[in-house]
Structure formats: structure tokens, C-alpha cells
PDB file of N, CA and C in Angstrom:
ATOM      1  N   UNK A   1      45.700  68.723  18.575  1.00  0.00           N
ATOM      2  CA  UNK A   1      46.209  68.201  17.327  1.00  0.00           C
ATOM      3  C   UNK A   1      47.688  67.839  17.438  1.00  0.00           C
ATOM      4  N   UNK A   2      48.325  68.179  18.544  1.00  0.00           N
ATOM      5  CA  UNK A   2      49.730  67.828  18.741  1.00  0.00           C
ATOM      6  C   UNK A   2      49.890  66.313  18.718  1.00  0.00           C
ATOM      7  N   UNK A   3      50.919  65.856  18.031  1.00  0.00           N
ATOM      8  CA  UNK A   3      51.185  64.433  17.963  1.00  0.00           C
ATOM      9  C   UNK A   3      50.412  63.697  16.884  1.00  0.00           C
ATOM     10  N   UNK A   4      49.553  64.393  16.174  1.00  0.00           N
ATOM     11  CA  UNK A   4      48.794  63.745  15.103  1.00  0.00           C
ATOM     12  C   UNK A   4      49.739  63.448  13.943  1.00  0.00           C
ATOM     13  N   UNK A   5      49.694  62.217  13.449  1.00  0.00           N
ATOM     14  CA  UNK A   5      50.601  61.794  12.389  1.00  0.00           C
ATOM     15  C   UNK A   5      49.818  61.175  11.249  1.00  0.00           C
ATOM     16  N   UNK A   6      50.441  61.180  10.076  1.00  0.00           N
ATOM     17  CA  UNK A   6      49.807  60.664   8.877  1.00  0.00           C
ATOM     18  C   UNK A   6      50.732  59.697   8.162  1.00  0.00           C
ATOM     19  N   UNK A   7      50.141  58.644   7.628  1.00  0.00           N
ATOM     20  CA  UNK A   7      50.854  57.649   6.848  1.00  0.00           C
ATOM     21  C   UNK A   7      50.642  58.008   5.384  1.00  0.00           C
ATOM     22  N   UNK A   8      51.740  58.149   4.640  1.00  0.00           N
ATOM     23  CA  UNK A   8      51.667  58.485   3.219  1.00  0.00           C
ATOM     24  C   UNK A   8      52.077  57.244   2.441  1.00  0.00           C
ATOM     25  N   UNK A   9      51.131  56.710   1.663  1.00  0.00           N
ATOM     26  CA  UNK A   9      51.307  55.453   0.944  1.00  0.00           C
ATOM     27  C   UNK A   9      51.235  55.691  -0.557  1.00  0.00           C
ATOM     28  N   UNK A  10      52.105  55.054  -1.299  1.00  0.00           N
ATOM     29  CA  UNK A  10      52.118  55.164  -2.760  1.00  0.00           C
ATOM     30  C   UNK A  10      50.912  54.419  -3.339  1.00  0.00           C
ATOM     31  N   UNK A  11      50.175  55.071  -4.235  1.00  0.00           N
ATOM     32  CA  UNK A  11      49.012  54.414  -4.838  1.00  0.00           C
ATOM     33  C   UNK A  11      49.414  53.407  -5.912  1.00  0.00           C
ATOM     34  N   UNK A  12      50.663  53.451  -6.355  1.00  0.00           N
ATOM     35  CA  UNK A  12      51.118  52.530  -7.402  1.00  0.00           C
ATOM     36  C   UNK A  12      51.619  51.209  -6.820  1.00  0.00           C
ATOM     37  N   UNK A  13      52.536  51.297  -5.849  1.00  0.00           N
ATOM     38  CA  UNK A  13      53.129  50.071  -5.305  1.00  0.00           C
ATOM     39  C   UNK A  13      52.557  49.695  -3.933  1.00  0.00           C
ATOM     40  N   UNK A  14      51.713  50.566  -3.366  1.00  0.00           N
ATOM     41  CA  UNK A  14      51.037  50.329  -2.078  1.00  0.00           C
ATOM     42  C   UNK A  14      51.976  50.350  -0.872  1.00  0.00           C
ATOM     43  N   UNK A  15      53.204  50.801  -1.035  1.00  0.00           N
ATOM     44  CA  UNK A  15      54.151  50.863   0.082  1.00  0.00           C
ATOM     45  C   UNK A  15      53.982  52.149   0.881  1.00  0.00           C
ATOM     46  N   UNK A  16      54.218  52.060   2.187  1.00  0.00           N
ATOM     47  CA  UNK A  16      54.280  53.254   3.025  1.00  0.00           C
ATOM     48  C   UNK A  16      55.605  53.934   2.734  1.00  0.00           C
ATOM     49  N   UNK A  17      55.545  55.216   2.388  1.00  0.00           N
ATOM     50  CA  UNK A  17      56.762  55.944   2.033  1.00  0.00           C
ATOM     51  C   UNK A  17      57.239  56.794   3.205  1.00  0.00           C
ATOM     52  N   UNK A  18      56.334  57.501   3.877  1.00  0.00           N
ATOM     53  CA  UNK A  18      56.692  58.297   5.052  1.00  0.00           C
ATOM     54  C   UNK A  18      55.548  58.300   6.049  1.00  0.00           C
ATOM     55  N   UNK A  19      55.897  58.538   7.313  1.00  0.00           N
ATOM     56  CA  UNK A  19      54.917  58.791   8.367  1.00  0.00           C
ATOM     57  C   UNK A  19      55.313  60.150   8.941  1.00  0.00           C
ATOM     58  N   UNK A  20      54.427  61.131   8.821  1.00  0.00           N
ATOM     59  CA  UNK A  20      54.784  62.515   9.143  1.00  0.00           C
ATOM     60  C   UNK A  20      53.668  63.236   9.890  1.00  0.00           C
ATOM     61  N   UNK A  21      54.049  64.353  10.519  1.00  0.00           N
ATOM     62  CA  UNK A  21      53.069  65.253  11.120  1.00  0.00           C
ATOM     63  C   UNK A  21      52.561  66.232  10.076  1.00  0.00           C
ATOM     64  N   UNK A  22      53.443  66.591   9.142  1.00  0.00           N
ATOM     65  CA  UNK A  22      53.083  67.431   8.000  1.00  0.00           C
ATOM     66  C   UNK A  22      54.117  67.224   6.911  1.00  0.00           C
ATOM     67  N   UNK A  23      53.749  67.517   5.684  1.00  0.00           N
ATOM     68  CA  UNK A  23      54.654  67.339   4.554  1.00  0.00           C
ATOM     69  C   UNK A  23      55.412  68.640   4.337  1.00  0.00           C
ATOM     70  N   UNK A  24      56.730  68.572   4.529  1.00  0.00           N
ATOM     71  CA  UNK A  24      57.599  69.724   4.294  1.00  0.00           C
ATOM     72  C   UNK A  24      58.411  69.466   3.027  1.00  0.00           C
ATOM     73  N   UNK A  25      59.323  70.352   2.714  1.00  0.00           N
ATOM     74  CA  UNK A  25      60.156  70.201   1.523  1.00  0.00           C
ATOM     75  C   UNK A  25      60.941  68.901   1.500  1.00  0.00           C
ATOM     76  N   UNK A  26      61.472  68.494   2.653  1.00  0.00           N
ATOM     77  CA  UNK A  26      62.252  67.253   2.719  1.00  0.00           C
ATOM     78  C   UNK A  26      61.385  66.034   2.413  1.00  0.00           C
ATOM     79  N   UNK A  27      60.182  66.012   2.964  1.00  0.00           N
ATOM     80  CA  UNK A  27      59.283  64.889   2.702  1.00  0.00           C
ATOM     81  C   UNK A  27      58.829  64.884   1.243  1.00  0.00           C
ATOM     82  N   UNK A  28      58.573  66.067   0.690  1.00  0.00           N
ATOM     83  CA  UNK A  28      58.176  66.156  -0.715  1.00  0.00           C
ATOM     84  C   UNK A  28      59.290  65.625  -1.618  1.00  0.00           C
ATOM     85  N   UNK A  29      60.547  65.961  -1.294  1.00  0.00           N
ATOM     86  CA  UNK A  29      61.683  65.429  -2.057  1.00  0.00           C
ATOM     87  C   UNK A  29      61.719  63.911  -1.984  1.00  0.00           C
ATOM     88  N   UNK A  30      61.448  63.357  -0.811  1.00  0.00           N
ATOM     89  CA  UNK A  30      61.450  61.891  -0.646  1.00  0.00           C
ATOM     90  C   UNK A  30      60.314  61.250  -1.457  1.00  0.00           C
ATOM     91  N   UNK A  31      59.145  61.886  -1.466  1.00  0.00           N
ATOM     92  CA  UNK A  31      58.029  61.367  -2.245  1.00  0.00           C
ATOM     93  C   UNK A  31      58.337  61.418  -3.733  1.00  0.00           C
ATOM     94  N   UNK A  32      58.945  62.503  -4.201  1.00  0.00           N
ATOM     95  CA  UNK A  32      59.303  62.614  -5.617  1.00  0.00           C
ATOM     96  C   UNK A  32      60.351  61.579  -5.991  1.00  0.00           C
ATOM     97  N   UNK A  33      61.327  61.351  -5.114  1.00  0.00           N
ATOM     98  CA  UNK A  33      62.343  60.325  -5.376  1.00  0.00           C
ATOM     99  C   UNK A  33      61.702  58.942  -5.455  1.00  0.00           C
ATOM    100  N   UNK A  34      60.736  58.680  -4.569  1.00  0.00           N
ATOM    101  CA  UNK A  34      60.038  57.397  -4.612  1.00  0.00           C
ATOM    102  C   UNK A  34      59.302  57.233  -5.939  1.00  0.00           C
ATOM    103  N   UNK A  35      58.613  58.276  -6.373  1.00  0.00           N
ATOM    104  CA  UNK A  35      57.883  58.204  -7.640  1.00  0.00           C
ATOM    105  C   UNK A  35      58.810  57.932  -8.813  1.00  0.00           C
ATOM    106  N   UNK A  36      59.957  58.587  -8.847  1.00  0.00           N
ATOM    107  CA  UNK A  36      60.896  58.363  -9.943  1.00  0.00           C
ATOM    108  C   UNK A  36      61.408  56.932  -9.953  1.00  0.00           C
ATOM    109  N   UNK A  37      61.546  56.307  -8.774  1.00  0.00           N
ATOM    110  CA  UNK A  37      61.983  54.912  -8.693  1.00  0.00           C
ATOM    111  C   UNK A  37      60.841  53.953  -9.025  1.00  0.00           C
ATOM    112  N   UNK A  38      59.635  54.297  -8.587  1.00  0.00           N
ATOM    113  CA  UNK A  38      58.473  53.416  -8.740  1.00  0.00           C
ATOM    114  C   UNK A  38      57.827  53.550 -10.123  1.00  0.00           C
ATOM    115  N   UNK A  39      57.733  54.774 -10.601  1.00  0.00           N
ATOM    116  CA  UNK A  39      57.069  55.088 -11.879  1.00  0.00           C
ATOM    117  C   UNK A  39      57.941  56.066 -12.651  1.00  0.00           C
ATOM    118  N   UNK A  40      58.953  55.597 -13.328  1.00  0.00           N
ATOM    119  CA  UNK A  40      59.937  56.496 -13.940  1.00  0.00           C
ATOM    120  C   UNK A  40      59.417  57.315 -15.120  1.00  0.00           C
ATOM    121  N   UNK A  41      58.113  57.451 -15.271  1.00  0.00           N
ATOM    122  CA  UNK A  41      57.571  58.262 -16.358  1.00  0.00           C
ATOM    123  C   UNK A  41      57.566  59.745 -16.025  1.00  0.00           C
ATOM    124  N   UNK A  42      58.073  60.138 -14.812  1.00  0.00           N
ATOM    125  CA  UNK A  42      58.098  61.527 -14.337  1.00  0.00           C
ATOM    126  C   UNK A  42      58.894  62.421 -15.257  1.00  0.00           C
ATOM    127  N   UNK A  43      59.244  63.619 -14.925  1.00  0.00           N
ATOM    128  CA  UNK A  43      59.243  64.196 -13.590  1.00  0.00           C
ATOM    129  C   UNK A  43      57.844  64.569 -13.114  1.00  0.00           C
ATOM    130  N   UNK A  44      57.728  64.810 -11.811  1.00  0.00           N
ATOM    131  CA  UNK A  44      56.468  65.174 -11.174  1.00  0.00           C
ATOM    132  C   UNK A  44      56.621  66.561 -10.547  1.00  0.00           C
ATOM    133  N   UNK A  45      56.456  67.595 -11.362  1.00  0.00           N
ATOM    134  CA  UNK A  45      56.676  68.947 -10.848  1.00  0.00           C
ATOM    135  C   UNK A  45      55.552  69.395  -9.922  1.00  0.00           C
ATOM    136  N   UNK A  46      55.926  70.077  -8.888  1.00  0.00           N
ATOM    137  CA  UNK A  46      54.937  70.670  -8.000  1.00  0.00           C
ATOM    138  C   UNK A  46      54.378  69.731  -6.957  1.00  0.00           C
ATOM    139  N   UNK A  47      53.843  70.335  -5.923  1.00  0.00           N
ATOM    140  CA  UNK A  47      53.284  69.601  -4.795  1.00  0.00           C
ATOM    141  C   UNK A  47      52.051  68.809  -5.214  1.00  0.00           C
ATOM    142  N   UNK A  48      51.123  69.450  -5.883  1.00  0.00           N
ATOM    143  CA  UNK A  48      49.863  68.792  -6.255  1.00  0.00           C
ATOM    144  C   UNK A  48      50.096  67.610  -7.186  1.00  0.00           C
ATOM    145  N   UNK A  49      50.948  67.787  -8.185  1.00  0.00           N
ATOM    146  CA  UNK A  49      51.231  66.696  -9.128  1.00  0.00           C
ATOM    147  C   UNK A  49      51.882  65.514  -8.429  1.00  0.00           C
ATOM    148  N   UNK A  50      52.698  65.785  -7.424  1.00  0.00           N
ATOM    149  CA  UNK A  50      53.346  64.706  -6.671  1.00  0.00           C
ATOM    150  C   UNK A  50      52.353  64.022  -5.745  1.00  0.00           C
ATOM    151  N   UNK A  51      51.634  64.799  -4.947  1.00  0.00           N
ATOM    152  CA  UNK A  51      50.743  64.218  -3.938  1.00  0.00           C
ATOM    153  C   UNK A  51      49.578  63.435  -4.534  1.00  0.00           C
ATOM    154  N   UNK A  52      49.224  63.682  -5.763  1.00  0.00           N
ATOM    155  CA  UNK A  52      48.097  62.943  -6.349  1.00  0.00           C
ATOM    156  C   UNK A  52      48.428  61.458  -6.524  1.00  0.00           C
ATOM    157  N   UNK A  53      49.696  61.098  -6.393  1.00  0.00           N
ATOM    158  CA  UNK A  53      50.113  59.695  -6.511  1.00  0.00           C
ATOM    159  C   UNK A  53      50.188  58.985  -5.167  1.00  0.00           C
ATOM    160  N   UNK A  54      49.747  59.665  -4.098  1.00  0.00           N
ATOM    161  CA  UNK A  54      49.843  59.107  -2.756  1.00  0.00           C
ATOM    162  C   UNK A  54      48.516  59.178  -2.026  1.00  0.00           C
ATOM    163  N   UNK A  55      48.340  58.254  -1.098  1.00  0.00           N
ATOM    164  CA  UNK A  55      47.168  58.236  -0.223  1.00  0.00           C
ATOM    165  C   UNK A  55      47.633  58.634   1.168  1.00  0.00           C
ATOM    166  N   UNK A  56      46.925  59.573   1.783  1.00  0.00           N
ATOM    167  CA  UNK A  56      47.282  60.059   3.111  1.00  0.00           C
ATOM    168  C   UNK A  56      46.202  59.614   4.087  1.00  0.00           C
ATOM    169  N   UNK A  57      46.615  58.872   5.123  1.00  0.00           N
ATOM    170  CA  UNK A  57      45.670  58.424   6.147  1.00  0.00           C
ATOM    171  C   UNK A  57      46.210  58.782   7.523  1.00  0.00           C
ATOM    172  N   UNK A  58      45.312  59.000   8.449  1.00  0.00           N
ATOM    173  CA  UNK A  58      45.689  59.344   9.814  1.00  0.00           C
ATOM    174  C   UNK A  58      46.096  58.087  10.572  1.00  0.00           C
ATOM    175  N   UNK A  59      47.068  58.239  11.487  1.00  0.00           N
ATOM    176  CA  UNK A  59      47.441  57.105  12.337  1.00  0.00           C
ATOM    177  C   UNK A  59      46.386  56.883  13.408  1.00  0.00           C
ATOM    178  N   UNK A  60      45.522  57.877  13.616  1.00  0.00           N
ATOM    179  CA  UNK A  60      44.391  57.758  14.535  1.00  0.00           C
ATOM    180  C   UNK A  60      43.164  57.458  13.683  1.00  0.00           C
ATOM    181  N   UNK A  61      42.669  56.230  13.695  1.00  0.00           N
ATOM    182  CA  UNK A  61      41.570  55.847  12.790  1.00  0.00           C
ATOM    183  C   UNK A  61      40.277  56.626  13.031  1.00  0.00           C
ATOM    184  N   UNK A  62      40.155  57.298  14.181  1.00  0.00           N
ATOM    185  CA  UNK A  62      38.936  58.063  14.455  1.00  0.00           C
ATOM    186  C   UNK A  62      38.980  59.472  13.886  1.00  0.00           C
ATOM    187  N   UNK A  63      40.118  59.887  13.377  1.00  0.00           N
ATOM    188  CA  UNK A  63      40.272  61.235  12.810  1.00  0.00           C
ATOM    189  C   UNK A  63      40.605  61.134  11.346  1.00  0.00           C
ATOM    190  N   UNK A  64      39.987  61.979  10.546  1.00  0.00           N
ATOM    191  CA  UNK A  64      40.254  61.973   9.113  1.00  0.00           C
ATOM    192  C   UNK A  64      41.430  62.880   8.799  1.00  0.00           C
ATOM    193  N   UNK A  65      42.116  62.663   7.652  1.00  0.00           N
ATOM    194  CA  UNK A  65      43.213  63.531   7.257  1.00  0.00           C
ATOM    195  C   UNK A  65      42.701  64.923   6.914  1.00  0.00           C
ATOM    196  N   UNK A  66      43.587  65.910   6.933  1.00  0.00           N
ATOM    197  CA  UNK A  66      43.154  67.252   6.590  1.00  0.00           C
ATOM    198  C   UNK A  66      42.741  67.339   5.128  1.00  0.00           C
ATOM    199  N   UNK A  67      41.888  68.287   4.810  1.00  0.00           N
ATOM    200  CA  UNK A  67      41.446  68.479   3.425  1.00  0.00           C
ATOM    201  C   UNK A  67      42.630  68.886   2.567  1.00  0.00           C
ATOM    202  N   UNK A  68      42.644  68.408   1.354  1.00  0.00           N
ATOM    203  CA  UNK A  68      43.759  68.721   0.434  1.00  0.00           C
ATOM    204  C   UNK A  68      43.633  70.111  -0.117  1.00  0.00           C
TER     205      UNK A  68
END
């Protein structure tokens, strides 16, 4: 599983926001900042409330993303 990466795309504007191995606090902050710029109806408290606005896909098309 080393080197496995995921593309995180906004479901509202369809832009790729980050490409990561895992979502940490820094990436979550970036996703929340993107949401506030893209859909200013926030705030979006918590991990689950934030991630529901994004689509996560694997950079390896033969492998699926981890379960949420």
C-alpha cells in the first residue's frame, strides 16, 4: 500500500483540491478553506461534514478508495 495516493475533488466545482496519501489535519484545513471559498454557506464543522462535499478516488484505477 506504500505510495498509494488519492485525488480529492470538490463535488460542487469539480476541481481537484488535493492529492494525498491520507487526509491529515493540514489537508482537512485546506478542504474546509476550499469549501468556504466555493460554497460560502458554511462553516463545515468536523471531518464528516467536510468530507461529504468531496469525492475521493485512487490514482491507481485498479484499486478502490478506502471505506469511509
